[in-house]
Amino acid sequence: MAVKSTASTLWRGSLGDGSGTTSFGTGVATLNVDWKARSEGAEGTTTPEELLAAAHASCFAMALSHALGEAGHEPEELQVSAEVSFQAGEGVLGSVLKVTGAVPGLSRDEFQTFAEEAKAGCPVSQALSGIDITLGSATLS
């Protein structure tokens, strides 16, 4: 049975002058959204791309952890970031993943290989297949 996740947004006003709130179906957070934050950047207000980055980072971390564990290299820690870029008029351009991991007994080259495979196999990477997805760095701590 598929697990379904939900979110909703309440928007008021025009694109340029309006604003809204996005809420997760679980009730864990309600976040402010507006066009200025999306097109120019702003503190304290999220964007759809920031939400994509959070989804991509967490999915990639899970995919990499699973692959390492299945191969007998359970990670002590994985610190993952995703940077999703957006250009007004063009849309979402790409996502850059970066990971630093503490994985005993694994060489840098092996870690890089696992990270590349997790990038390709992560379900969010697959959902974002229409944009450029790169592995900016994969380092062991």
N, C-alpha and C. Protein backbone atom coordinates (compact mmCIF):
# COMPACT_ATOMS: atom_id res chain seq x y z
N MET A 1 0.83 -1.18 0.00
CA MET A 1 0.00 0.00 0.00
C MET A 1 0.89 1.25 0.00
N ALA A 2 0.59 2.16 -0.88
CA ALA A 2 1.37 3.39 -0.99
C ALA A 2 1.05 4.33 0.16
N VAL A 3 2.08 4.96 0.69
CA VAL A 3 1.91 6.00 1.70
C VAL A 3 1.66 7.31 0.97
N LYS A 4 0.67 8.04 1.38
CA LYS A 4 0.35 9.32 0.75
C LYS A 4 0.70 10.45 1.69
N SER A 5 1.40 11.44 1.17
CA SER A 5 1.77 12.62 1.92
C SER A 5 1.02 13.81 1.36
N THR A 6 0.63 14.72 2.23
CA THR A 6 -0.13 15.88 1.77
C THR A 6 0.46 17.18 2.30
N ALA A 7 0.15 18.22 1.59
CA ALA A 7 0.47 19.58 2.01
C ALA A 7 -0.57 20.47 1.36
N SER A 8 -0.76 21.65 1.91
CA SER A 8 -1.72 22.58 1.34
C SER A 8 -1.18 24.00 1.47
N THR A 9 -1.65 24.86 0.57
CA THR A 9 -1.26 26.27 0.60
C THR A 9 -2.50 27.13 0.52
N LEU A 10 -2.57 28.13 1.38
CA LEU A 10 -3.60 29.16 1.33
C LEU A 10 -2.91 30.42 0.82
N TRP A 11 -3.34 30.92 -0.33
CA TRP A 11 -2.75 32.10 -0.96
C TRP A 11 -3.78 33.22 -1.01
N ARG A 12 -3.33 34.42 -0.71
CA ARG A 12 -4.22 35.59 -0.78
C ARG A 12 -3.53 36.68 -1.60
N GLY A 13 -4.25 37.21 -2.59
CA GLY A 13 -3.75 38.32 -3.38
C GLY A 13 -3.11 37.91 -4.68
N SER A 14 -2.55 38.91 -5.36
CA SER A 14 -1.89 38.68 -6.65
C SER A 14 -0.53 38.03 -6.43
N LEU A 15 0.09 37.61 -7.52
CA LEU A 15 1.41 36.98 -7.40
C LEU A 15 2.42 37.94 -6.77
N GLY A 16 2.52 39.14 -7.28
CA GLY A 16 3.53 40.09 -6.81
C GLY A 16 3.27 40.66 -5.43
N ASP A 17 2.01 40.88 -5.10
CA ASP A 17 1.69 41.51 -3.83
C ASP A 17 1.14 40.54 -2.79
N GLY A 18 0.76 39.37 -3.22
CA GLY A 18 0.13 38.41 -2.32
C GLY A 18 1.13 37.61 -1.51
N SER A 19 0.58 36.78 -0.66
CA SER A 19 1.40 35.89 0.15
C SER A 19 0.52 34.73 0.61
N GLY A 20 1.18 33.75 1.19
CA GLY A 20 0.41 32.61 1.64
C GLY A 20 1.13 31.84 2.73
N THR A 21 0.49 30.75 3.11
CA THR A 21 1.09 29.82 4.06
C THR A 21 0.94 28.42 3.49
N THR A 22 2.00 27.65 3.63
CA THR A 22 2.00 26.25 3.22
C THR A 22 2.08 25.41 4.49
N SER A 23 1.20 24.44 4.58
CA SER A 23 1.14 23.58 5.77
C SER A 23 1.32 22.13 5.37
N PHE A 24 2.05 21.41 6.18
CA PHE A 24 2.23 19.98 5.97
C PHE A 24 1.03 19.24 6.55
N GLY A 25 0.62 18.19 5.87
CA GLY A 25 -0.54 17.42 6.30
C GLY A 25 -0.39 16.82 7.68
N THR A 26 0.84 16.58 8.11
CA THR A 26 1.09 16.01 9.43
C THR A 26 0.90 17.03 10.54
N GLY A 27 0.84 18.31 10.17
CA GLY A 27 0.68 19.37 11.16
C GLY A 27 1.98 19.80 11.81
N VAL A 28 3.12 19.31 11.32
CA VAL A 28 4.39 19.64 11.97
C VAL A 28 4.87 21.06 11.69
N ALA A 29 4.37 21.67 10.61
CA ALA A 29 4.84 23.03 10.31
C ALA A 29 3.88 23.74 9.38
N THR A 30 3.82 25.05 9.56
CA THR A 30 3.16 25.95 8.63
C THR A 30 4.18 27.03 8.29
N LEU A 31 4.43 27.22 7.00
CA LEU A 31 5.49 28.11 6.55
C LEU A 31 4.94 29.22 5.67
N ASN A 32 5.50 30.41 5.81
CA ASN A 32 5.11 31.54 4.97
C ASN A 32 5.75 31.41 3.60
N VAL A 33 5.00 31.79 2.55
CA VAL A 33 5.51 31.79 1.18
C VAL A 33 5.07 33.07 0.49
N ASP A 34 5.93 33.58 -0.41
CA ASP A 34 5.55 34.71 -1.25
C ASP A 34 6.49 34.77 -2.46
N TRP A 35 6.06 35.56 -3.44
CA TRP A 35 6.83 35.65 -4.68
C TRP A 35 8.18 36.34 -4.48
N LYS A 36 8.23 37.36 -3.65
CA LYS A 36 9.49 38.08 -3.44
C LYS A 36 10.57 37.12 -2.92
N ALA A 37 10.22 36.27 -1.97
CA ALA A 37 11.20 35.31 -1.46
C ALA A 37 11.64 34.36 -2.57
N ARG A 38 10.69 33.97 -3.40
CA ARG A 38 11.00 33.01 -4.46
C ARG A 38 11.87 33.63 -5.54
N SER A 39 11.61 34.85 -5.91
CA SER A 39 12.33 35.46 -7.03
C SER A 39 13.55 36.27 -6.62
N GLU A 40 13.59 36.72 -5.35
CA GLU A 40 14.70 37.56 -4.91
C GLU A 40 15.42 37.02 -3.67
N GLY A 41 14.76 36.12 -2.94
CA GLY A 41 15.31 35.62 -1.69
C GLY A 41 14.88 36.51 -0.54
N ALA A 42 14.53 35.91 0.58
CA ALA A 42 14.11 36.66 1.76
C ALA A 42 14.23 35.77 2.99
N GLU A 43 14.64 36.36 4.09
CA GLU A 43 14.73 35.64 5.36
C GLU A 43 13.34 35.36 5.91
N GLY A 44 13.16 34.22 6.53
CA GLY A 44 11.93 33.92 7.25
C GLY A 44 10.75 33.49 6.38
N THR A 45 10.98 33.38 5.08
CA THR A 45 9.92 32.98 4.16
C THR A 45 10.48 31.87 3.28
N THR A 46 9.74 30.78 3.16
CA THR A 46 10.23 29.66 2.37
C THR A 46 9.79 29.79 0.92
N THR A 47 10.24 28.88 0.11
CA THR A 47 9.89 28.84 -1.32
C THR A 47 9.61 27.40 -1.70
N PRO A 48 8.90 27.20 -2.81
CA PRO A 48 8.73 25.82 -3.28
C PRO A 48 10.07 25.12 -3.51
N GLU A 49 11.06 25.88 -3.95
CA GLU A 49 12.37 25.28 -4.23
C GLU A 49 13.08 24.87 -2.94
N GLU A 50 12.88 25.63 -1.86
CA GLU A 50 13.46 25.23 -0.58
C GLU A 50 12.81 23.93 -0.10
N LEU A 51 11.51 23.81 -0.34
CA LEU A 51 10.82 22.57 0.03
C LEU A 51 11.32 21.40 -0.83
N LEU A 52 11.57 21.65 -2.13
CA LEU A 52 12.17 20.61 -2.99
C LEU A 52 13.56 20.23 -2.47
N ALA A 53 14.35 21.23 -2.07
CA ALA A 53 15.69 20.95 -1.55
C ALA A 53 15.63 20.08 -0.30
N ALA A 54 14.68 20.38 0.59
CA ALA A 54 14.53 19.57 1.81
C ALA A 54 14.14 18.13 1.45
N ALA A 55 13.22 18.00 0.51
CA ALA A 55 12.80 16.66 0.08
C ALA A 55 13.97 15.91 -0.56
N HIS A 56 14.74 16.60 -1.40
CA HIS A 56 15.85 15.95 -2.08
C HIS A 56 16.95 15.54 -1.11
N ALA A 57 17.30 16.44 -0.19
CA ALA A 57 18.35 16.12 0.78
C ALA A 57 17.97 14.93 1.66
N SER A 58 16.74 14.91 2.14
CA SER A 58 16.34 13.82 3.03
C SER A 58 16.21 12.51 2.28
N CYS A 59 15.70 12.54 1.06
CA CYS A 59 15.57 11.32 0.27
C CYS A 59 16.95 10.75 -0.07
N PHE A 60 17.86 11.62 -0.50
CA PHE A 60 19.22 11.19 -0.84
C PHE A 60 19.92 10.60 0.38
N ALA A 61 19.75 11.22 1.54
CA ALA A 61 20.37 10.69 2.77
C ALA A 61 19.86 9.29 3.07
N MET A 62 18.56 9.08 2.91
CA MET A 62 17.98 7.76 3.16
C MET A 62 18.46 6.74 2.14
N ALA A 63 18.52 7.13 0.87
CA ALA A 63 18.97 6.22 -0.19
C ALA A 63 20.43 5.83 0.02
N LEU A 64 21.26 6.80 0.37
CA LEU A 64 22.67 6.52 0.59
C LEU A 64 22.87 5.66 1.83
N SER A 65 22.18 5.96 2.90
CA SER A 65 22.26 5.16 4.12
C SER A 65 21.87 3.71 3.85
N HIS A 66 20.80 3.53 3.09
CA HIS A 66 20.32 2.18 2.76
C HIS A 66 21.36 1.42 1.93
N ALA A 67 21.89 2.07 0.90
CA ALA A 67 22.87 1.41 0.04
C ALA A 67 24.13 1.03 0.82
N LEU A 68 24.61 1.94 1.65
CA LEU A 68 25.80 1.65 2.46
C LEU A 68 25.53 0.50 3.43
N GLY A 69 24.40 0.55 4.10
CA GLY A 69 24.05 -0.50 5.05
C GLY A 69 23.90 -1.85 4.40
N GLU A 70 23.27 -1.90 3.23
CA GLU A 70 23.10 -3.16 2.50
C GLU A 70 24.45 -3.76 2.12
N ALA A 71 25.45 -2.92 1.92
CA ALA A 71 26.78 -3.38 1.54
C ALA A 71 27.67 -3.64 2.76
N GLY A 72 27.09 -3.53 3.96
CA GLY A 72 27.86 -3.79 5.17
C GLY A 72 28.67 -2.63 5.67
N HIS A 73 28.34 -1.42 5.24
CA HIS A 73 29.07 -0.21 5.65
C HIS A 73 28.11 0.78 6.28
N GLU A 74 27.49 0.40 7.37
CA GLU A 74 26.50 1.28 8.01
C GLU A 74 27.15 2.61 8.39
N PRO A 75 26.58 3.71 7.94
CA PRO A 75 27.18 5.02 8.26
C PRO A 75 26.91 5.42 9.70
N GLU A 76 27.91 6.07 10.29
CA GLU A 76 27.70 6.67 11.61
C GLU A 76 26.90 7.95 11.47
N GLU A 77 27.18 8.68 10.37
CA GLU A 77 26.50 9.96 10.16
C GLU A 77 26.63 10.37 8.70
N LEU A 78 25.58 10.96 8.17
CA LEU A 78 25.59 11.57 6.84
C LEU A 78 25.03 12.97 6.97
N GLN A 79 25.79 13.95 6.55
CA GLN A 79 25.33 15.34 6.53
C GLN A 79 25.10 15.71 5.07
N VAL A 80 23.85 15.92 4.71
CA VAL A 80 23.49 16.14 3.30
C VAL A 80 22.86 17.51 3.13
N SER A 81 23.23 18.20 2.06
CA SER A 81 22.55 19.43 1.68
C SER A 81 22.17 19.33 0.20
N ALA A 82 21.11 20.02 -0.14
CA ALA A 82 20.69 20.14 -1.53
C ALA A 82 20.44 21.62 -1.80
N GLU A 83 20.91 22.07 -2.93
CA GLU A 83 20.69 23.46 -3.33
C GLU A 83 19.92 23.44 -4.65
N VAL A 84 18.67 23.86 -4.59
CA VAL A 84 17.82 23.89 -5.78
C VAL A 84 17.78 25.32 -6.29
N SER A 85 18.10 25.50 -7.56
CA SER A 85 18.10 26.84 -8.15
C SER A 85 16.83 27.08 -8.96
N PHE A 86 16.37 28.33 -8.89
CA PHE A 86 15.16 28.78 -9.58
C PHE A 86 15.46 30.09 -10.28
N GLN A 87 15.02 30.21 -11.50
CA GLN A 87 15.15 31.46 -12.24
C GLN A 87 13.76 31.87 -12.72
N ALA A 88 13.32 33.05 -12.29
CA ALA A 88 12.01 33.54 -12.73
C ALA A 88 11.96 33.55 -14.25
N GLY A 89 10.88 33.07 -14.81
CA GLY A 89 10.72 33.00 -16.25
C GLY A 89 11.24 31.72 -16.87
N GLU A 90 12.11 31.01 -16.15
CA GLU A 90 12.66 29.75 -16.65
C GLU A 90 12.22 28.56 -15.81
N GLY A 91 12.10 28.76 -14.50
CA GLY A 91 11.68 27.69 -13.61
C GLY A 91 12.82 27.10 -12.80
N VAL A 92 12.61 25.87 -12.35
CA VAL A 92 13.62 25.17 -11.56
C VAL A 92 14.70 24.70 -12.51
N LEU A 93 15.94 25.07 -12.22
CA LEU A 93 17.05 24.78 -13.11
C LEU A 93 17.85 23.54 -12.74
N GLY A 94 18.00 23.30 -11.44
CA GLY A 94 18.80 22.15 -11.05
C GLY A 94 18.89 21.99 -9.55
N SER A 95 19.50 20.87 -9.16
CA SER A 95 19.72 20.57 -7.75
C SER A 95 21.14 20.05 -7.60
N VAL A 96 21.85 20.61 -6.65
CA VAL A 96 23.22 20.17 -6.35
C VAL A 96 23.21 19.54 -4.97
N LEU A 97 23.59 18.27 -4.90
CA LEU A 97 23.67 17.53 -3.64
C LEU A 97 25.11 17.55 -3.13
N LYS A 98 25.26 17.70 -1.82
CA LYS A 98 26.57 17.60 -1.18
C LYS A 98 26.41 16.72 0.05
N VAL A 99 27.37 15.84 0.26
CA VAL A 99 27.30 14.94 1.41
C VAL A 99 28.68 14.80 2.04
N THR A 100 28.69 14.83 3.37
CA THR A 100 29.86 14.48 4.15
C THR A 100 29.43 13.34 5.04
N GLY A 101 30.21 12.27 5.04
CA GLY A 101 29.82 11.10 5.81
C GLY A 101 30.92 10.55 6.68
N ALA A 102 30.49 9.97 7.79
CA ALA A 102 31.38 9.21 8.66
C ALA A 102 30.98 7.75 8.45
N VAL A 103 31.81 7.04 7.69
CA VAL A 103 31.53 5.65 7.33
C VAL A 103 32.82 4.85 7.53
N PRO A 104 32.93 4.16 8.66
CA PRO A 104 34.16 3.41 8.95
C PRO A 104 34.43 2.34 7.88
N GLY A 105 35.71 2.20 7.54
CA GLY A 105 36.15 1.14 6.64
C GLY A 105 35.86 1.37 5.18
N LEU A 106 35.52 2.57 4.79
CA LEU A 106 35.17 2.85 3.40
C LEU A 106 36.17 3.85 2.83
N SER A 107 36.66 3.59 1.61
CA SER A 107 37.58 4.53 0.96
C SER A 107 36.80 5.69 0.35
N ARG A 108 37.51 6.75 0.02
CA ARG A 108 36.88 7.91 -0.61
C ARG A 108 36.24 7.53 -1.95
N ASP A 109 36.95 6.74 -2.73
CA ASP A 109 36.42 6.33 -4.03
C ASP A 109 35.16 5.48 -3.87
N GLU A 110 35.16 4.58 -2.90
CA GLU A 110 33.97 3.76 -2.65
C GLU A 110 32.79 4.64 -2.23
N PHE A 111 33.06 5.62 -1.35
CA PHE A 111 32.01 6.52 -0.89
C PHE A 111 31.44 7.31 -2.07
N GLN A 112 32.31 7.79 -2.93
CA GLN A 112 31.89 8.54 -4.12
C GLN A 112 30.98 7.67 -4.99
N THR A 113 31.34 6.41 -5.19
CA THR A 113 30.54 5.50 -6.01
C THR A 113 29.16 5.28 -5.39
N PHE A 114 29.12 5.04 -4.09
CA PHE A 114 27.84 4.86 -3.40
C PHE A 114 26.98 6.13 -3.52
N ALA A 115 27.61 7.29 -3.38
CA ALA A 115 26.88 8.56 -3.45
C ALA A 115 26.30 8.78 -4.85
N GLU A 116 27.06 8.49 -5.88
CA GLU A 116 26.57 8.65 -7.26
C GLU A 116 25.39 7.72 -7.51
N GLU A 117 25.49 6.48 -7.02
CA GLU A 117 24.40 5.52 -7.21
C GLU A 117 23.14 5.95 -6.44
N ALA A 118 23.33 6.48 -5.22
CA ALA A 118 22.19 6.94 -4.43
C ALA A 118 21.54 8.15 -5.09
N LYS A 119 22.35 9.02 -5.68
CA LYS A 119 21.81 10.19 -6.39
C LYS A 119 20.88 9.73 -7.51
N ALA A 120 21.31 8.74 -8.26
CA ALA A 120 20.50 8.25 -9.37
C ALA A 120 19.28 7.45 -8.90
N GLY A 121 19.41 6.74 -7.79
CA GLY A 121 18.34 5.87 -7.33
C GLY A 121 17.35 6.50 -6.39
N CYS A 122 17.65 7.64 -5.85
CA CYS A 122 16.76 8.33 -4.92
C CYS A 122 15.43 8.65 -5.62
N PRO A 123 14.29 8.27 -5.04
CA PRO A 123 13.01 8.55 -5.68
C PRO A 123 12.76 10.03 -5.98
N VAL A 124 13.26 10.93 -5.15
CA VAL A 124 13.07 12.35 -5.45
C VAL A 124 13.94 12.75 -6.63
N SER A 125 15.15 12.21 -6.75
CA SER A 125 15.96 12.47 -7.94
C SER A 125 15.22 12.01 -9.19
N GLN A 126 14.60 10.85 -9.09
CA GLN A 126 13.85 10.34 -10.24
C GLN A 126 12.67 11.24 -10.57
N ALA A 127 11.99 11.76 -9.55
CA ALA A 127 10.86 12.67 -9.77
C ALA A 127 11.34 13.99 -10.39
N LEU A 128 12.56 14.37 -10.10
CA LEU A 128 13.13 15.62 -10.62
C LEU A 128 13.96 15.40 -11.89
N SER A 129 13.73 14.32 -12.57
CA SER A 129 14.57 13.94 -13.72
C SER A 129 14.57 14.96 -14.85
N GLY A 130 13.66 15.88 -14.84
CA GLY A 130 13.62 16.91 -15.88
C GLY A 130 14.59 18.05 -15.65
N ILE A 131 15.32 18.04 -14.53
CA ILE A 131 16.31 19.09 -14.26
C ILE A 131 17.69 18.46 -14.09
N ASP A 132 18.70 19.30 -14.12
CA ASP A 132 20.08 18.85 -13.93
C ASP A 132 20.31 18.55 -12.45
N ILE A 133 20.71 17.31 -12.13
CA ILE A 133 21.02 16.92 -10.75
C ILE A 133 22.50 16.54 -10.72
N THR A 134 23.25 17.20 -9.85
CA THR A 134 24.67 16.92 -9.76
C THR A 134 25.06 16.59 -8.31
N LEU A 135 26.12 15.85 -8.19
CA LEU A 135 26.72 15.58 -6.89
C LEU A 135 27.89 16.53 -6.75
N GLY A 136 27.68 17.61 -6.02
CA GLY A 136 28.70 18.65 -5.88
C GLY A 136 29.92 18.16 -5.13
N SER A 137 29.69 17.35 -4.10
CA SER A 137 30.81 16.78 -3.34
C SER A 137 30.31 15.60 -2.52
N ALA A 138 31.22 14.66 -2.34
CA ALA A 138 30.97 13.51 -1.46
C ALA A 138 32.28 13.25 -0.74
N THR A 139 32.34 13.65 0.53
CA THR A 139 33.58 13.54 1.29
C THR A 139 33.36 12.76 2.56
N LEU A 140 34.41 12.12 2.99
CA LEU A 140 34.39 11.41 4.27
C LEU A 140 35.00 12.31 5.33
N SER A 141 34.39 12.27 6.51
CA SER A 141 34.92 13.10 7.60
C SER A 141 35.87 12.30 8.45
